[in-house]
Amino acid sequence: MKLKLKRPIIFFDLETTGTDICKDRIVEISMLKIKPDGEEILKTKKVNPTIPIPLESSLIHHIYDEDVQDCPTFQQLAREFDQFMKGCDLGGYNLIRFDIPLLAEEFLRVNIDFDIENRHIVDVCRVFHQMEQRTLSAAYKFYLNEKLDNAHSAEADTVATYKILMAQLDRYESTPLETKEGVEEFPVQNDMAQLHKFTFQKTADLSGRIIYNNAGEEVFNFGKHRNVPVEEVLKKEPSYYDWMMKGDFPLYTKKILTRIRLRSLQSSIS
C-alpha cells in the first residue's frame, strides 16, 4: 500500500533529556520525509542539548553526555530542520502530547516560528488506542472472545478482571519478552511476586510526585526540584515542606513527605 499524499509528510521522533516540555532538550531527532511520488528521505541527527543528560534518560535511549558533546546544538541545526519540514504534514507516535510541543519549544527558543495551523497531523498512537481500545470490555473480548455483560458494575468488572488474568497466564506464560539489555525473560508467570514486579511501577508515594532514583533515594518528580533528592531539598529549602503541606497535593504524598522529613531530622540528631 502507498500513502495517498497531496504534499509530503514527515514522520519524526525525538530522544530527549527528559519529559518536561518546557525544560528538557532534544538529544537526537530522526525525520522520515515521504513525498507524494513515494520517495523517502531519512535524516537523523544527534544534538548537543547544552544541558546534562540525566542518567535515567540515558539508560532509556542509550545516549550519554559524551556521545553528543561534539555534536551541533539545536540552534545550529534549526534552520536546516525548518527548511526540511516546510510545507510538510507531520506524523509520529504520541507526537501530539510530546514530540510536537517539545519541538515547538526548541524552535521558538531560537526565534523560529514553528506553526502547525496549516499542517495535517497524524498520530499513530491515537489510531492504535482508539481502534484497539484498552477498556476492560475490550480486554474481555480479546482474551475470552465473549461480550462482557453488565460492564461498569463493580461485581461484573471484578469477576471479569480475574478471568482476564487467568486467560493472560494461559496465553503468555511461555511467551518471552526481550528486555532493554537484549535478554529474553518470561515476565508473565503464575507467581504473584513476579506479576507484581512486571505490572507495578513502584513510587515513593501513590501519585508519582515522589519517586525513587537509581540509587534508591526518594526524589521529586515534578517542578523546579525534579530529580533532586527530597532530603536534600528539605535541608536546603525547609519552606518547601510547608508549601507542599499547604498545597493541593494528595494526602498520601504529604504523609510520605512528612515521613522523609522526620527521618531526616532523626538522622541529623543521631
Protein backbone atom coordinates (compact mmCIF):
# COMPACT_ATOMS: atom_id res chain seq x y z
CA MET A 1 0.00 0.00 0.00
CA LYS A 2 1.15 3.53 -0.82
CA LEU A 3 0.19 6.61 1.22
CA LYS A 4 -2.14 8.90 -0.71
CA LEU A 5 -0.44 12.26 -0.32
CA LYS A 6 -1.12 15.70 -1.71
CA ARG A 7 2.04 17.05 -0.07
CA PRO A 8 4.97 15.48 1.77
CA ILE A 9 4.56 14.12 5.27
CA ILE A 10 7.38 13.87 7.80
CA PHE A 11 7.32 11.17 10.43
CA PHE A 12 9.63 12.13 13.27
CA ASP A 13 10.70 11.06 16.72
CA LEU A 14 12.71 12.75 19.44
CA GLU A 15 15.06 11.44 22.07
CA THR A 16 15.38 13.98 24.85
CA THR A 17 16.93 14.78 28.20
CA GLY A 18 13.56 14.13 29.85
CA THR A 19 9.81 14.59 29.58
CA ASP A 20 9.40 18.19 30.75
CA ILE A 21 8.36 20.02 27.58
CA CYS A 22 9.46 23.41 28.89
CA LYS A 23 12.76 22.41 30.44
CA ASP A 24 14.12 19.40 28.55
CA ARG A 25 16.05 19.38 25.29
CA ILE A 26 16.47 17.23 22.20
CA VAL A 27 19.48 14.88 22.06
CA GLU A 28 18.51 13.09 18.84
CA ILE A 29 15.95 13.74 16.13
CA SER A 30 15.04 11.47 13.26
CA MET A 31 12.82 12.56 10.37
CA LEU A 32 11.49 10.44 7.53
CA LYS A 33 10.03 12.52 4.70
CA ILE A 34 7.60 10.71 2.39
CA LYS A 35 6.89 12.56 -0.86
CA PRO A 36 3.69 12.16 -2.90
CA ASP A 37 5.61 10.18 -5.53
CA GLY A 38 6.73 7.70 -2.85
CA GLU A 39 10.31 8.95 -2.49
CA GLU A 40 11.65 8.56 1.05
CA ILE A 41 14.29 10.77 2.65
CA LEU A 42 15.61 9.82 6.10
CA LYS A 43 17.51 12.35 8.17
CA THR A 44 18.84 11.56 11.68
CA LYS A 45 20.94 13.91 13.79
CA LYS A 46 22.35 13.78 17.28
CA VAL A 47 22.08 17.11 19.06
CA ASN A 48 24.10 18.67 21.85
CA PRO A 49 21.35 19.66 24.32
CA THR A 50 23.66 22.13 26.12
CA ILE A 51 22.47 20.68 29.45
CA PRO A 52 23.45 17.42 31.17
CA ILE A 53 21.53 14.30 30.19
CA PRO A 54 20.12 12.65 33.35
CA LEU A 55 21.30 9.08 33.81
CA GLU A 56 17.73 7.75 33.91
CA SER A 57 17.14 9.20 30.43
CA SER A 58 20.43 7.85 29.07
CA LEU A 59 19.52 4.37 30.31
CA ILE A 60 16.41 4.52 28.13
CA HIS A 61 17.79 5.89 24.85
CA HIS A 62 21.48 4.99 25.40
CA ILE A 63 22.72 8.49 24.54
CA TYR A 64 25.17 9.89 27.09
CA ASP A 65 26.78 13.30 27.51
CA GLU A 66 29.99 12.18 25.84
CA ASP A 67 28.03 10.98 22.78
CA VAL A 68 26.77 14.48 21.99
CA GLN A 69 29.43 16.80 23.41
CA ASP A 70 30.90 17.43 19.95
CA CYS A 71 27.56 17.49 18.11
CA PRO A 72 25.91 20.69 16.86
CA THR A 73 23.33 22.36 19.09
CA PHE A 74 19.70 22.70 18.08
CA GLN A 75 20.32 26.37 17.37
CA GLN A 76 22.96 25.37 14.82
CA LEU A 77 20.64 22.82 13.19
CA ALA A 78 17.35 24.69 13.46
CA ARG A 79 17.38 26.34 10.03
CA GLU A 80 18.16 23.02 8.36
CA PHE A 81 15.29 21.31 10.21
CA ASP A 82 12.93 24.18 9.46
CA GLN A 83 13.67 24.07 5.74
CA PHE A 84 13.34 20.27 5.65
CA MET A 85 9.91 20.47 7.31
CA LYS A 86 8.47 23.37 5.34
CA GLY A 87 5.22 22.56 3.54
CA CYS A 88 5.00 19.11 5.14
CA ASP A 89 2.37 17.39 7.20
CA LEU A 90 3.57 15.65 10.36
CA GLY A 91 3.27 12.09 11.64
CA GLY A 92 4.56 10.20 14.65
CA TYR A 93 3.74 8.14 17.72
CA ASN A 94 2.30 10.17 20.60
CA LEU A 95 3.61 13.28 18.86
CA ILE A 96 0.58 15.40 19.80
CA ARG A 97 1.26 15.19 23.53
CA PHE A 98 5.06 15.22 23.49
CA ASP A 99 7.14 15.45 20.31
CA ILE A 100 5.38 18.39 18.67
CA PRO A 101 5.17 20.55 21.83
CA LEU A 102 8.82 19.94 22.69
CA LEU A 103 10.00 20.55 19.12
CA ALA A 104 7.97 23.77 19.02
CA GLU A 105 9.69 24.93 22.21
CA GLU A 106 13.10 24.27 20.68
CA PHE A 107 12.22 26.26 17.54
CA LEU A 108 10.71 29.18 19.44
CA ARG A 109 13.72 29.26 21.76
CA VAL A 110 15.89 30.14 18.73
CA ASN A 111 13.33 32.57 17.29
CA ILE A 112 11.94 30.33 14.55
CA ASP A 113 8.15 30.49 14.35
CA PHE A 114 7.06 26.85 14.28
CA ASP A 115 3.38 26.59 13.33
CA ILE A 116 1.03 23.61 12.93
CA GLU A 117 -2.05 25.54 11.80
CA ASN A 118 -1.69 24.61 8.13
CA ARG A 119 -0.38 21.09 8.62
CA HIS A 120 -2.21 17.79 8.88
CA ILE A 121 -1.12 15.86 11.98
CA VAL A 122 -1.23 12.05 12.06
CA ASP A 123 -0.70 10.42 15.46
CA VAL A 124 -0.27 6.66 15.07
CA CYS A 125 -0.67 6.24 18.83
CA ARG A 126 -4.18 7.69 18.67
CA VAL A 127 -5.12 5.28 15.88
CA PHE A 128 -3.84 2.39 17.99
CA HIS A 129 -5.63 3.41 21.18
CA GLN A 130 -8.93 4.22 19.51
CA MET A 131 -9.10 1.23 17.18
CA GLU A 132 -7.69 -1.26 19.71
CA GLN A 133 -9.41 0.01 22.82
CA ARG A 134 -7.86 -0.76 26.18
CA THR A 135 -11.08 -0.86 28.19
CA LEU A 136 -11.99 -3.79 30.43
CA SER A 137 -14.74 -4.79 27.98
CA ALA A 138 -12.27 -4.77 25.09
CA ALA A 139 -9.81 -6.89 27.09
CA TYR A 140 -12.58 -9.35 27.96
CA LYS A 141 -13.50 -9.68 24.30
CA PHE A 142 -9.86 -10.03 23.23
CA TYR A 143 -8.83 -12.68 25.77
CA LEU A 144 -12.09 -14.60 26.26
CA ASN A 145 -13.85 -13.90 22.95
CA GLU A 146 -17.02 -13.10 24.86
CA LYS A 147 -19.06 -9.99 25.44
CA LEU A 148 -18.87 -8.59 28.97
CA ASP A 149 -22.40 -8.24 30.29
CA ASN A 150 -23.16 -5.62 32.94
CA ALA A 151 -19.92 -3.77 32.28
CA HIS A 152 -19.23 -0.98 34.76
CA SER A 153 -20.99 -2.77 37.58
CA ALA A 154 -18.44 -3.42 40.32
CA GLU A 155 -19.21 -7.12 40.60
CA ALA A 156 -19.10 -7.87 36.87
CA ASP A 157 -15.88 -5.88 36.43
CA THR A 158 -14.23 -7.62 39.38
CA VAL A 159 -15.06 -11.13 38.15
CA ALA A 160 -14.06 -10.17 34.59
CA THR A 161 -10.67 -8.91 35.77
CA TYR A 162 -9.92 -12.23 37.45
CA LYS A 163 -10.95 -14.18 34.33
CA ILE A 164 -8.79 -11.96 32.12
CA LEU A 165 -5.72 -12.61 34.29
CA MET A 166 -6.29 -16.36 34.03
CA ALA A 167 -6.53 -16.04 30.24
CA GLN A 168 -3.38 -13.92 30.16
CA LEU A 169 -1.48 -16.59 32.08
CA ASP A 170 -2.64 -19.21 29.58
CA ARG A 171 -1.62 -17.04 26.66
CA TYR A 172 1.67 -15.52 27.82
CA GLU A 173 3.23 -17.82 30.42
CA SER A 174 5.56 -19.31 27.80
CA THR A 175 6.00 -16.08 25.82
CA PRO A 176 9.43 -14.43 26.05
CA LEU A 177 9.85 -10.67 26.24
CA GLU A 178 13.14 -9.06 25.30
CA THR A 179 14.47 -6.56 27.84
CA LYS A 180 16.30 -3.33 27.00
CA GLU A 181 19.54 -5.22 27.59
CA GLY A 182 18.56 -7.78 24.94
CA VAL A 183 17.90 -10.58 27.43
CA GLU A 184 14.82 -12.74 26.97
CA GLU A 185 12.67 -13.08 30.07
CA PHE A 186 9.29 -14.64 30.80
CA PRO A 187 7.60 -11.90 32.83
CA VAL A 188 4.06 -13.33 32.84
CA GLN A 189 4.21 -16.22 35.25
CA ASN A 190 1.73 -17.81 37.63
CA ASP A 191 3.56 -16.24 40.53
CA MET A 192 2.30 -13.17 42.41
CA ALA A 193 5.76 -11.79 43.20
CA GLN A 194 6.71 -11.95 39.51
CA LEU A 195 3.40 -10.42 38.38
CA HIS A 196 3.85 -7.64 40.92
CA LYS A 197 7.33 -6.94 39.58
CA PHE A 198 6.05 -6.87 35.99
CA THR A 199 2.90 -4.78 36.49
CA PHE A 200 3.53 -2.49 39.45
CA GLN A 201 5.67 0.58 38.97
CA LYS A 202 6.89 1.44 42.44
CA THR A 203 6.82 5.04 43.53
CA ALA A 204 7.52 6.50 46.96
CA ASP A 205 4.01 7.92 47.08
CA LEU A 206 0.97 6.78 45.09
CA SER A 207 0.62 9.70 42.70
CA GLY A 208 4.16 9.67 41.30
CA ARG A 209 5.08 13.06 42.74
CA ILE A 210 7.90 11.38 44.71
CA ILE A 211 9.75 8.51 43.04
CA TYR A 212 12.97 6.56 43.51
CA ASN A 213 16.15 7.23 41.57
CA ASN A 214 18.63 4.54 40.55
CA ALA A 215 20.32 4.79 43.95
CA GLY A 216 17.04 4.08 45.74
CA GLU A 217 16.68 7.65 47.06
CA GLU A 218 13.34 9.44 47.11
CA VAL A 219 13.42 12.28 44.58
CA PHE A 220 10.84 14.82 43.48
CA ASN A 221 9.23 14.05 40.14
CA PHE A 222 7.83 17.48 39.36
CA GLY A 223 8.60 21.17 39.42
CA LYS A 224 11.86 23.01 39.98
CA HIS A 225 13.31 20.22 42.12
CA ARG A 226 12.60 17.36 39.69
CA ASN A 227 15.10 14.50 40.17
CA VAL A 228 16.59 16.15 43.28
CA PRO A 229 16.57 14.02 46.48
CA VAL A 230 13.75 15.04 48.80
CA GLU A 231 16.01 15.13 51.86
CA GLU A 232 18.43 17.44 50.09
CA VAL A 233 15.63 19.85 49.16
CA LEU A 234 14.15 19.87 52.65
CA LYS A 235 17.55 20.64 54.18
CA LYS A 236 18.39 23.47 51.77
CA GLU A 237 14.87 24.86 51.44
CA PRO A 238 12.81 23.99 54.56
CA SER A 239 9.96 26.24 53.40
CA TYR A 240 9.32 23.82 50.52
CA TYR A 241 7.86 21.36 53.02
CA ASP A 242 5.36 23.95 54.29
CA TRP A 243 4.47 24.92 50.73
CA MET A 244 3.64 21.33 49.82
CA MET A 245 1.75 20.64 53.04
CA LYS A 246 -0.46 23.67 52.39
CA GLY A 247 -0.75 22.95 48.69
CA ASP A 248 -3.16 20.90 46.63
CA PHE A 249 -1.26 17.63 46.90
CA PRO A 250 -2.66 14.18 47.77
CA LEU A 251 -2.76 13.38 51.47
CA TYR A 252 -0.68 10.26 50.86
CA THR A 253 2.04 12.36 49.24
CA LYS A 254 2.03 14.66 52.28
CA LYS A 255 2.25 11.61 54.53
CA ILE A 256 5.34 10.32 52.70
CA LEU A 257 6.87 13.80 52.64
CA THR A 258 6.42 14.06 56.41
CA ARG A 259 7.91 10.60 56.91
CA ILE A 260 11.01 11.58 54.93
CA ARG A 261 11.31 14.86 56.83
CA LEU A 262 11.08 13.14 60.22
CA ARG A 263 13.60 10.52 59.15
CA SER A 264 15.99 13.23 58.03
CA LEU A 265 15.60 15.13 61.31
CA GLN A 266 16.20 11.99 63.36
CA SER A 267 19.34 11.11 61.39
CA SER A 268 20.73 14.62 61.89
CA ILE A 269 20.17 14.39 65.66
CA SER A 270 21.77 10.96 65.97
